[in-house]
């Protein structure tokens, strides 16, 4: 048995003695990079039902003193398989081809309607928003939200910009 292991085991067994002697015997100093310390941290982590760094460290500090304790506890908790499995993030899906291939503005666009801003005191209007899925926004004012007015706004948009390849909207059934 090496000196380091013997010292750590000696300090751990000293904990059984009532704490009237001094602070060092009451809170034994454990090496942060030692194998037994890591095992002790992991067991405390399991006893606390896979608690986080702060709670595990607070529980350990009631009995032991570990230099660089927070980083040591964080390292041990990150190696816990169950905690890694429980906090795993889902894989990122591949981005749509429309978003990744270089295209001119408004080649792929979305269309939605903003609420009725007041154009005058007595008259309400709606604002269809033509949104490029990459960069830009185009706004038109429409007096009503009828099919004819929306189609005219779409024609004005296409006269100013080019005809889009795809139009996505949340109101498919509206027009």
N, C-alpha and C. Protein backbone atom coordinates (compact mmCIF):
# COMPACT_ATOMS: atom_id res chain seq x y z
N UNK A 1 0.85 -1.17 0.00
CA UNK A 1 0.00 0.00 0.00
C UNK A 1 0.90 1.24 0.00
N UNK A 2 0.59 2.19 -0.88
CA UNK A 2 1.41 3.39 -0.98
C UNK A 2 1.10 4.33 0.17
N UNK A 3 1.96 5.34 0.32
CA UNK A 3 1.77 6.32 1.38
C UNK A 3 0.48 7.10 1.21
N UNK A 4 0.17 7.45 -0.04
CA UNK A 4 -1.03 8.26 -0.29
C UNK A 4 -2.29 7.50 0.09
N UNK A 5 -2.39 6.23 -0.33
CA UNK A 5 -3.57 5.44 0.00
C UNK A 5 -3.69 5.25 1.51
N UNK A 6 -2.57 5.02 2.16
CA UNK A 6 -2.59 4.82 3.61
C UNK A 6 -3.04 6.10 4.31
N UNK A 7 -2.58 7.26 3.83
CA UNK A 7 -2.97 8.52 4.44
C UNK A 7 -4.46 8.77 4.26
N UNK A 8 -4.97 8.51 3.07
CA UNK A 8 -6.39 8.73 2.82
C UNK A 8 -7.23 7.79 3.68
N UNK A 9 -6.84 6.52 3.75
CA UNK A 9 -7.58 5.57 4.58
C UNK A 9 -7.52 5.95 6.05
N UNK A 10 -6.36 6.44 6.50
CA UNK A 10 -6.22 6.87 7.88
C UNK A 10 -7.14 8.05 8.17
N UNK A 11 -7.17 9.01 7.25
CA UNK A 11 -8.02 10.17 7.46
C UNK A 11 -9.50 9.80 7.43
N UNK A 12 -9.85 8.85 6.58
CA UNK A 12 -11.25 8.43 6.53
C UNK A 12 -11.65 7.71 7.81
N UNK A 13 -10.77 6.89 8.35
CA UNK A 13 -11.11 6.18 9.58
C UNK A 13 -11.11 7.12 10.78
N UNK A 14 -10.39 8.23 10.70
CA UNK A 14 -10.40 9.20 11.80
C UNK A 14 -11.77 9.85 11.97
N UNK A 15 -12.58 9.78 10.98
CA UNK A 15 -13.90 10.40 11.05
C UNK A 15 -14.77 9.72 12.11
N UNK A 16 -14.46 8.49 12.42
CA UNK A 16 -15.25 7.76 13.40
C UNK A 16 -15.06 8.30 14.82
N UNK A 17 -13.94 9.01 15.06
CA UNK A 17 -13.64 9.55 16.38
C UNK A 17 -14.48 10.81 16.58
N UNK A 18 -15.05 11.03 17.78
CA UNK A 18 -15.83 12.25 18.02
C UNK A 18 -14.99 13.51 17.79
N UNK A 19 -15.61 14.53 17.30
CA UNK A 19 -14.91 15.74 16.86
C UNK A 19 -14.69 16.70 18.03
N UNK A 20 -13.76 16.40 18.87
CA UNK A 20 -13.41 17.33 19.94
C UNK A 20 -11.95 17.73 19.87
N UNK A 21 -11.19 17.08 19.02
CA UNK A 21 -9.76 17.30 18.98
C UNK A 21 -9.45 18.60 18.25
N UNK A 22 -9.64 18.65 16.94
CA UNK A 22 -9.44 19.89 16.18
C UNK A 22 -10.13 19.77 14.82
N UNK A 23 -10.02 20.82 14.05
CA UNK A 23 -10.74 20.91 12.79
C UNK A 23 -10.26 19.89 11.77
N UNK A 24 -8.98 19.59 11.73
CA UNK A 24 -8.43 18.69 10.71
C UNK A 24 -8.89 17.26 10.95
N UNK A 25 -9.01 16.86 12.18
CA UNK A 25 -9.50 15.51 12.45
C UNK A 25 -11.01 15.45 12.18
N UNK A 26 -11.70 16.52 12.49
CA UNK A 26 -13.15 16.55 12.29
C UNK A 26 -13.51 16.54 10.81
N UNK A 27 -12.79 17.30 10.01
CA UNK A 27 -13.03 17.35 8.56
C UNK A 27 -11.74 16.94 7.85
N UNK A 28 -11.53 15.65 7.63
CA UNK A 28 -10.28 15.21 7.01
C UNK A 28 -10.12 15.77 5.61
N UNK A 29 -8.90 16.11 5.28
CA UNK A 29 -8.57 16.68 3.98
C UNK A 29 -8.29 15.54 3.01
N UNK A 30 -9.10 15.44 1.97
CA UNK A 30 -8.94 14.39 0.97
C UNK A 30 -8.34 14.98 -0.29
N UNK A 31 -7.50 14.20 -0.94
CA UNK A 31 -6.90 14.67 -2.19
C UNK A 31 -7.95 14.64 -3.29
N UNK A 32 -7.99 15.69 -4.07
CA UNK A 32 -9.03 15.77 -5.09
C UNK A 32 -8.79 14.84 -6.26
N UNK A 33 -7.55 14.47 -6.52
CA UNK A 33 -7.26 13.62 -7.68
C UNK A 33 -7.09 12.15 -7.29
N UNK A 34 -7.50 11.78 -6.09
CA UNK A 34 -7.30 10.40 -5.64
C UNK A 34 -8.50 9.53 -6.01
N UNK A 35 -8.22 8.26 -6.21
CA UNK A 35 -9.24 7.29 -6.62
C UNK A 35 -10.30 7.11 -5.54
N UNK A 36 -9.89 7.05 -4.30
CA UNK A 36 -10.84 6.86 -3.19
C UNK A 36 -11.75 8.08 -3.06
N UNK A 37 -11.20 9.26 -3.28
CA UNK A 37 -12.02 10.47 -3.21
C UNK A 37 -13.09 10.45 -4.30
N UNK A 38 -12.71 10.05 -5.50
CA UNK A 38 -13.68 9.97 -6.59
C UNK A 38 -14.77 8.95 -6.27
N UNK A 39 -14.38 7.83 -5.69
CA UNK A 39 -15.36 6.81 -5.32
C UNK A 39 -16.29 7.34 -4.23
N UNK A 40 -15.73 8.06 -3.27
CA UNK A 40 -16.54 8.65 -2.20
C UNK A 40 -17.54 9.66 -2.77
N UNK A 41 -17.10 10.48 -3.70
CA UNK A 41 -17.99 11.46 -4.33
C UNK A 41 -19.10 10.75 -5.10
N UNK A 42 -18.74 9.70 -5.82
CA UNK A 42 -19.74 8.99 -6.61
C UNK A 42 -20.78 8.32 -5.71
N UNK A 43 -20.33 7.74 -4.60
CA UNK A 43 -21.28 7.12 -3.67
C UNK A 43 -22.20 8.16 -3.04
N UNK A 44 -21.65 9.31 -2.71
CA UNK A 44 -22.47 10.40 -2.17
C UNK A 44 -23.48 10.87 -3.21
N UNK A 45 -23.05 10.94 -4.45
CA UNK A 45 -23.93 11.32 -5.56
C UNK A 45 -25.08 10.32 -5.70
N UNK A 46 -24.78 9.04 -5.56
CA UNK A 46 -25.83 8.01 -5.63
C UNK A 46 -26.75 8.07 -4.42
N UNK A 47 -26.18 8.30 -3.22
CA UNK A 47 -27.00 8.40 -2.01
C UNK A 47 -27.96 9.58 -2.09
N UNK A 48 -27.55 10.64 -2.76
CA UNK A 48 -28.40 11.81 -2.92
C UNK A 48 -29.33 11.68 -4.13
N UNK A 49 -29.45 10.48 -4.67
CA UNK A 49 -30.34 10.17 -5.80
C UNK A 49 -29.98 11.00 -7.03
N UNK A 50 -28.72 10.95 -7.40
CA UNK A 50 -28.19 11.62 -8.59
C UNK A 50 -28.42 13.13 -8.52
N UNK A 51 -28.09 13.71 -7.38
CA UNK A 51 -28.24 15.15 -7.20
C UNK A 51 -27.18 15.88 -8.01
N UNK A 52 -27.34 17.18 -8.11
CA UNK A 52 -26.42 18.00 -8.87
C UNK A 52 -25.13 18.27 -8.11
N UNK A 53 -24.33 19.15 -8.69
CA UNK A 53 -23.02 19.45 -8.13
C UNK A 53 -23.15 20.13 -6.77
N UNK A 54 -24.04 21.10 -6.66
CA UNK A 54 -24.14 21.88 -5.43
C UNK A 54 -24.59 21.02 -4.25
N UNK A 55 -25.60 20.19 -4.46
CA UNK A 55 -26.11 19.37 -3.36
C UNK A 55 -25.12 18.29 -2.97
N UNK A 56 -24.49 17.66 -3.94
CA UNK A 56 -23.50 16.63 -3.63
C UNK A 56 -22.32 17.23 -2.88
N UNK A 57 -21.87 18.40 -3.32
CA UNK A 57 -20.74 19.05 -2.65
C UNK A 57 -21.12 19.49 -1.24
N UNK A 58 -22.33 19.98 -1.04
CA UNK A 58 -22.77 20.38 0.30
C UNK A 58 -22.83 19.19 1.24
N UNK A 59 -23.28 18.05 0.74
CA UNK A 59 -23.33 16.84 1.56
C UNK A 59 -21.93 16.36 1.91
N UNK A 60 -21.03 16.42 0.95
CA UNK A 60 -19.64 16.00 1.21
C UNK A 60 -18.97 16.93 2.21
N UNK A 61 -19.24 18.21 2.14
CA UNK A 61 -18.57 19.17 3.03
C UNK A 61 -19.03 19.05 4.47
N UNK A 62 -20.09 18.32 4.73
CA UNK A 62 -20.50 18.08 6.11
C UNK A 62 -19.53 17.15 6.82
N UNK A 63 -18.81 16.32 6.06
CA UNK A 63 -17.90 15.36 6.68
C UNK A 63 -16.45 15.50 6.25
N UNK A 64 -16.21 16.00 5.03
CA UNK A 64 -14.86 16.01 4.48
C UNK A 64 -14.53 17.39 3.92
N UNK A 65 -13.24 17.60 3.76
CA UNK A 65 -12.76 18.81 3.11
C UNK A 65 -11.96 18.38 1.88
N UNK A 66 -12.41 18.83 0.70
CA UNK A 66 -11.76 18.45 -0.55
C UNK A 66 -11.30 19.72 -1.25
N UNK A 67 -9.99 19.90 -1.46
CA UNK A 67 -9.55 21.07 -2.23
C UNK A 67 -10.01 20.92 -3.68
N UNK A 68 -10.38 22.03 -4.28
CA UNK A 68 -10.95 22.05 -5.63
C UNK A 68 -12.14 21.10 -5.71
N UNK A 69 -12.98 21.16 -4.68
CA UNK A 69 -14.08 20.21 -4.56
C UNK A 69 -15.12 20.34 -5.65
N UNK A 70 -15.46 21.57 -6.02
CA UNK A 70 -16.51 21.76 -7.02
C UNK A 70 -16.12 21.16 -8.37
N UNK A 71 -14.89 21.40 -8.81
CA UNK A 71 -14.47 20.85 -10.10
C UNK A 71 -14.35 19.33 -10.03
N UNK A 72 -13.93 18.81 -8.90
CA UNK A 72 -13.81 17.36 -8.75
C UNK A 72 -15.20 16.71 -8.76
N UNK A 73 -16.15 17.29 -8.06
CA UNK A 73 -17.52 16.76 -8.04
C UNK A 73 -18.14 16.87 -9.43
N UNK A 74 -17.92 17.99 -10.10
CA UNK A 74 -18.47 18.16 -11.45
C UNK A 74 -17.92 17.10 -12.40
N UNK A 75 -16.63 16.81 -12.28
CA UNK A 75 -16.00 15.80 -13.14
C UNK A 75 -16.60 14.42 -12.88
N UNK A 76 -16.82 14.08 -11.62
CA UNK A 76 -17.38 12.77 -11.29
C UNK A 76 -18.83 12.67 -11.76
N UNK A 77 -19.61 13.73 -11.58
CA UNK A 77 -21.02 13.70 -11.98
C UNK A 77 -21.15 13.62 -13.49
N UNK A 78 -20.25 14.27 -14.21
CA UNK A 78 -20.31 14.18 -15.67
C UNK A 78 -20.00 12.78 -16.18
N UNK A 79 -19.30 11.99 -15.39
CA UNK A 79 -19.02 10.62 -15.81
C UNK A 79 -20.10 9.64 -15.37
N UNK A 80 -21.13 10.11 -14.67
CA UNK A 80 -22.24 9.25 -14.25
C UNK A 80 -23.11 8.94 -15.47
N UNK A 81 -23.24 7.67 -15.79
CA UNK A 81 -23.96 7.26 -17.00
C UNK A 81 -25.44 7.62 -16.91
N UNK A 82 -26.06 7.38 -15.76
CA UNK A 82 -27.49 7.65 -15.64
C UNK A 82 -27.80 9.14 -15.76
N UNK A 83 -26.95 9.98 -15.19
CA UNK A 83 -27.17 11.43 -15.31
C UNK A 83 -26.98 11.89 -16.75
N UNK A 84 -25.99 11.35 -17.43
CA UNK A 84 -25.77 11.72 -18.83
C UNK A 84 -26.94 11.27 -19.69
N UNK A 85 -27.48 10.09 -19.39
CA UNK A 85 -28.59 9.57 -20.17
C UNK A 85 -29.85 10.40 -19.93
N UNK A 86 -30.06 10.83 -18.67
CA UNK A 86 -31.27 11.58 -18.34
C UNK A 86 -31.24 12.99 -18.90
N UNK A 87 -30.07 13.58 -19.05
CA UNK A 87 -29.99 14.96 -19.54
C UNK A 87 -29.54 15.05 -20.98
N UNK A 88 -29.58 13.94 -21.70
CA UNK A 88 -29.12 13.95 -23.10
C UNK A 88 -30.07 14.76 -23.96
N UNK A 89 -29.52 15.44 -24.94
CA UNK A 89 -30.32 16.21 -25.88
C UNK A 89 -30.59 15.37 -27.12
N UNK A 90 -31.73 15.60 -27.77
CA UNK A 90 -31.99 14.85 -29.00
C UNK A 90 -31.07 15.31 -30.11
N UNK A 91 -30.87 14.45 -31.08
CA UNK A 91 -30.03 14.80 -32.21
C UNK A 91 -30.70 15.90 -33.03
N UNK A 92 -29.90 16.80 -33.55
CA UNK A 92 -30.43 17.87 -34.37
C UNK A 92 -30.84 17.31 -35.73
N UNK A 93 -32.05 17.60 -36.20
CA UNK A 93 -32.42 17.12 -37.53
C UNK A 93 -31.69 17.91 -38.60
N UNK A 94 -31.61 17.32 -39.78
CA UNK A 94 -30.96 18.03 -40.87
C UNK A 94 -31.84 19.20 -41.28
N UNK A 95 -31.20 20.28 -41.67
CA UNK A 95 -31.95 21.46 -42.09
C UNK A 95 -32.58 21.20 -43.45
N UNK A 96 -33.71 21.87 -43.69
CA UNK A 96 -34.41 21.71 -44.95
C UNK A 96 -33.53 22.21 -46.09
N UNK A 97 -33.71 21.61 -47.24
CA UNK A 97 -32.89 21.97 -48.39
C UNK A 97 -33.15 23.41 -48.82
N UNK A 98 -34.39 23.88 -48.60
CA UNK A 98 -34.72 25.27 -48.96
C UNK A 98 -33.89 26.26 -48.15
N UNK A 99 -33.50 25.88 -46.94
CA UNK A 99 -32.77 26.78 -46.07
C UNK A 99 -31.27 26.76 -46.33
N UNK A 100 -30.77 25.71 -46.95
CA UNK A 100 -29.32 25.58 -47.07
C UNK A 100 -28.79 25.89 -48.46
N UNK A 101 -29.60 25.77 -49.50
CA UNK A 101 -29.12 26.07 -50.85
C UNK A 101 -29.24 27.56 -51.10
N UNK A 102 -28.24 28.17 -51.72
CA UNK A 102 -28.31 29.61 -51.98
C UNK A 102 -29.37 29.91 -53.05
N UNK A 103 -30.32 30.76 -52.71
CA UNK A 103 -31.40 31.17 -53.62
C UNK A 103 -31.59 32.66 -53.49
N UNK A 104 -32.21 33.30 -54.49
CA UNK A 104 -32.50 34.72 -54.35
C UNK A 104 -33.56 34.97 -53.28
N UNK A 105 -33.66 36.21 -52.85
CA UNK A 105 -34.62 36.56 -51.81
C UNK A 105 -36.04 36.25 -52.28
N UNK A 106 -36.86 35.77 -51.38
CA UNK A 106 -38.26 35.43 -51.60
C UNK A 106 -38.47 34.30 -52.60
N UNK A 107 -37.45 33.47 -52.86
CA UNK A 107 -37.68 32.28 -53.69
C UNK A 107 -38.50 31.27 -52.89
N UNK A 108 -38.27 31.17 -51.60
CA UNK A 108 -39.07 30.35 -50.70
C UNK A 108 -39.57 31.30 -49.62
N UNK A 109 -40.88 31.38 -49.47
CA UNK A 109 -41.42 32.39 -48.56
C UNK A 109 -42.58 31.85 -47.76
N UNK A 110 -42.84 32.53 -46.67
CA UNK A 110 -43.99 32.23 -45.83
C UNK A 110 -44.92 33.42 -45.84
N UNK A 111 -46.20 33.16 -45.62
CA UNK A 111 -47.19 34.24 -45.65
C UNK A 111 -48.05 34.13 -44.41
N UNK A 112 -48.25 35.25 -43.74
CA UNK A 112 -49.07 35.28 -42.54
C UNK A 112 -49.76 36.63 -42.48
N UNK A 113 -50.70 36.78 -41.57
CA UNK A 113 -51.45 38.03 -41.45
C UNK A 113 -51.21 38.64 -40.09
N UNK A 114 -50.84 39.92 -40.10
CA UNK A 114 -50.70 40.66 -38.86
C UNK A 114 -52.08 41.17 -38.47
N UNK A 115 -52.24 41.49 -37.22
CA UNK A 115 -53.53 41.97 -36.74
C UNK A 115 -53.95 43.26 -37.39
N UNK A 116 -55.16 43.69 -37.16
CA UNK A 116 -55.66 44.88 -37.83
C UNK A 116 -55.11 46.18 -37.23
N UNK A 117 -54.13 46.80 -37.87
CA UNK A 117 -53.72 48.13 -37.41
C UNK A 117 -54.74 49.16 -37.89
N UNK A 118 -54.93 50.22 -37.16
CA UNK A 118 -55.89 51.24 -37.56
C UNK A 118 -55.23 52.19 -38.55
N UNK A 119 -55.75 52.20 -39.79
CA UNK A 119 -55.24 53.11 -40.80
C UNK A 119 -55.82 54.50 -40.58
N UNK A 120 -57.10 54.53 -40.30
CA UNK A 120 -57.77 55.78 -39.91
C UNK A 120 -58.54 55.48 -38.63
N UNK A 121 -59.19 56.46 -38.10
CA UNK A 121 -59.90 56.26 -36.85
C UNK A 121 -61.08 55.30 -37.05
N UNK A 122 -61.73 55.35 -38.20
CA UNK A 122 -62.94 54.56 -38.40
C UNK A 122 -62.72 53.29 -39.21
N UNK A 123 -61.56 53.12 -39.82
CA UNK A 123 -61.38 52.02 -40.76
C UNK A 123 -60.24 51.11 -40.30
N UNK A 124 -60.52 49.80 -40.29
CA UNK A 124 -59.49 48.82 -39.95
C UNK A 124 -58.94 48.20 -41.22
N UNK A 125 -57.67 47.82 -41.18
CA UNK A 125 -57.05 47.11 -42.30
C UNK A 125 -56.29 45.92 -41.74
N UNK A 126 -56.01 44.96 -42.60
CA UNK A 126 -55.15 43.86 -42.21
C UNK A 126 -53.86 43.95 -42.99
N UNK A 127 -52.83 43.34 -42.48
CA UNK A 127 -51.53 43.41 -43.12
C UNK A 127 -51.03 42.01 -43.40
N UNK A 128 -51.06 41.57 -44.66
CA UNK A 128 -50.41 40.29 -44.94
C UNK A 128 -48.89 40.47 -44.94
N UNK A 129 -48.20 39.59 -44.25
CA UNK A 129 -46.75 39.64 -44.20
C UNK A 129 -46.20 38.56 -45.12
N UNK A 130 -45.38 38.96 -46.06
CA UNK A 130 -44.68 38.02 -46.92
C UNK A 130 -43.26 37.94 -46.39
N UNK A 131 -42.90 36.80 -45.87
CA UNK A 131 -41.62 36.65 -45.17
C UNK A 131 -40.74 35.70 -45.97
N UNK A 132 -39.58 36.20 -46.37
CA UNK A 132 -38.59 35.33 -47.00
C UNK A 132 -38.06 34.40 -45.92
N UNK A 133 -37.94 33.13 -46.22
CA UNK A 133 -37.49 32.18 -45.22
C UNK A 133 -36.02 32.34 -44.88
N UNK A 134 -35.32 33.21 -45.57
CA UNK A 134 -33.90 33.41 -45.31
C UNK A 134 -33.62 34.80 -44.73
N UNK A 135 -34.05 35.86 -45.44
CA UNK A 135 -33.52 37.17 -45.06
C UNK A 135 -34.55 38.27 -44.83
N UNK A 136 -35.59 38.41 -45.65
CA UNK A 136 -36.33 39.67 -45.72
C UNK A 136 -37.80 39.52 -45.33
N UNK A 137 -38.45 40.70 -45.18
CA UNK A 137 -39.89 40.78 -44.89
C UNK A 137 -40.49 41.81 -45.82
N UNK A 138 -41.69 41.52 -46.36
CA UNK A 138 -42.40 42.44 -47.24
C UNK A 138 -43.81 42.59 -46.68
N UNK A 139 -44.26 43.83 -46.45
CA UNK A 139 -45.58 44.09 -45.88
C UNK A 139 -46.47 44.77 -46.91
N UNK A 140 -47.74 44.40 -46.93
CA UNK A 140 -48.76 45.03 -47.78
C UNK A 140 -49.95 45.37 -46.90
N UNK A 141 -50.64 46.46 -47.22
CA UNK A 141 -51.88 46.80 -46.53
C UNK A 141 -53.06 46.34 -47.38
N UNK A 142 -54.03 45.68 -46.74
CA UNK A 142 -55.21 45.17 -47.42
C UNK A 142 -56.43 45.68 -46.66
N UNK A 143 -57.46 46.21 -47.37
CA UNK A 143 -58.61 46.75 -46.65
C UNK A 143 -59.43 45.68 -45.91
N UNK A 144 -59.57 44.51 -46.49
CA UNK A 144 -60.30 43.42 -45.85
C UNK A 144 -59.51 42.14 -46.02
N UNK A 145 -59.93 41.13 -45.30
CA UNK A 145 -59.24 39.85 -45.42
C UNK A 145 -60.05 38.91 -46.31
N UNK A 146 -60.54 39.42 -47.39
CA UNK A 146 -61.27 38.58 -48.34
C UNK A 146 -60.28 37.93 -49.30
N UNK A 147 -60.75 36.91 -50.00
CA UNK A 147 -59.89 36.18 -50.93
C UNK A 147 -59.40 37.09 -52.04
N UNK A 148 -60.27 37.94 -52.55
CA UNK A 148 -59.91 38.82 -53.67
C UNK A 148 -58.80 39.78 -53.23
N UNK A 149 -58.96 40.39 -52.06
CA UNK A 149 -57.96 41.35 -51.59
C UNK A 149 -56.61 40.68 -51.31
N UNK A 150 -56.64 39.49 -50.75
CA UNK A 150 -55.39 38.78 -50.46
C UNK A 150 -54.70 38.39 -51.76
N UNK A 151 -55.47 37.93 -52.75
CA UNK A 151 -54.87 37.55 -54.04
C UNK A 151 -54.29 38.78 -54.75
N UNK A 152 -54.96 39.93 -54.63
CA UNK A 152 -54.41 41.17 -55.21
C UNK A 152 -53.11 41.56 -54.52
N UNK A 153 -53.06 41.42 -53.21
CA UNK A 153 -51.82 41.71 -52.48
C UNK A 153 -50.71 40.76 -52.92
N UNK A 154 -51.06 39.51 -53.15
CA UNK A 154 -50.07 38.54 -53.62
C UNK A 154 -49.59 38.89 -55.02
N UNK A 155 -50.49 39.36 -55.89
CA UNK A 155 -50.09 39.79 -57.24
C UNK A 155 -49.18 41.01 -57.18
N UNK A 156 -49.51 41.97 -56.30
CA UNK A 156 -48.64 43.15 -56.15
C UNK A 156 -47.26 42.74 -55.66
N UNK A 157 -47.24 41.79 -54.73
CA UNK A 157 -45.96 41.29 -54.23
C UNK A 157 -45.15 40.66 -55.35
N UNK A 158 -45.81 39.83 -56.19
CA UNK A 158 -45.09 39.16 -57.28
C UNK A 158 -44.66 40.14 -58.36
N UNK A 159 -45.38 41.25 -58.52
CA UNK A 159 -44.96 42.26 -59.49
C UNK A 159 -43.70 42.98 -59.00
N UNK A 160 -43.62 43.19 -57.71
CA UNK A 160 -42.45 43.87 -57.16
C UNK A 160 -41.26 42.92 -57.04
N UNK A 161 -41.50 41.74 -56.50
CA UNK A 161 -40.47 40.72 -56.37
C UNK A 161 -40.66 39.72 -57.50
N UNK A 162 -40.00 38.60 -57.44
CA UNK A 162 -40.18 37.56 -58.45
C UNK A 162 -41.20 36.54 -57.94
N UNK A 163 -41.67 35.68 -58.81
CA UNK A 163 -42.61 34.64 -58.41
C UNK A 163 -41.87 33.63 -57.52
N UNK A 164 -42.38 33.36 -56.31
CA UNK A 164 -41.69 32.42 -55.42
C UNK A 164 -41.87 30.98 -55.87
N UNK A 165 -40.90 30.15 -55.53
CA UNK A 165 -40.99 28.73 -55.85
C UNK A 165 -41.98 28.04 -54.91
N UNK A 166 -41.95 28.39 -53.62
CA UNK A 166 -42.89 27.82 -52.65
C UNK A 166 -43.43 28.92 -51.76
N UNK A 167 -44.69 28.77 -51.39
CA UNK A 167 -45.33 29.67 -50.43
C UNK A 167 -45.87 28.80 -49.30
N UNK A 168 -45.44 29.08 -48.09
CA UNK A 168 -45.95 28.36 -46.92
C UNK A 168 -46.77 29.32 -46.09
N UNK A 169 -47.92 28.85 -45.62
CA UNK A 169 -48.77 29.70 -44.80
C UNK A 169 -49.47 28.84 -43.76
N UNK A 170 -49.87 29.47 -42.67
CA UNK A 170 -50.61 28.76 -41.64
C UNK A 170 -52.10 28.72 -41.95
N UNK A 171 -52.57 29.55 -42.90
CA UNK A 171 -53.99 29.63 -43.24
C UNK A 171 -54.25 28.96 -44.58
N UNK A 172 -53.97 27.68 -44.72
CA UNK A 172 -54.14 27.00 -46.00
C UNK A 172 -55.58 27.01 -46.45
N UNK A 173 -56.52 26.89 -45.52
CA UNK A 173 -57.93 26.77 -45.88
C UNK A 173 -58.58 28.12 -46.15
N UNK A 174 -57.89 29.21 -45.85
CA UNK A 174 -58.52 30.53 -45.97
C UNK A 174 -58.65 31.00 -47.41
N UNK A 175 -57.72 30.65 -48.28
CA UNK A 175 -57.81 31.14 -49.66
C UNK A 175 -57.26 30.11 -50.62
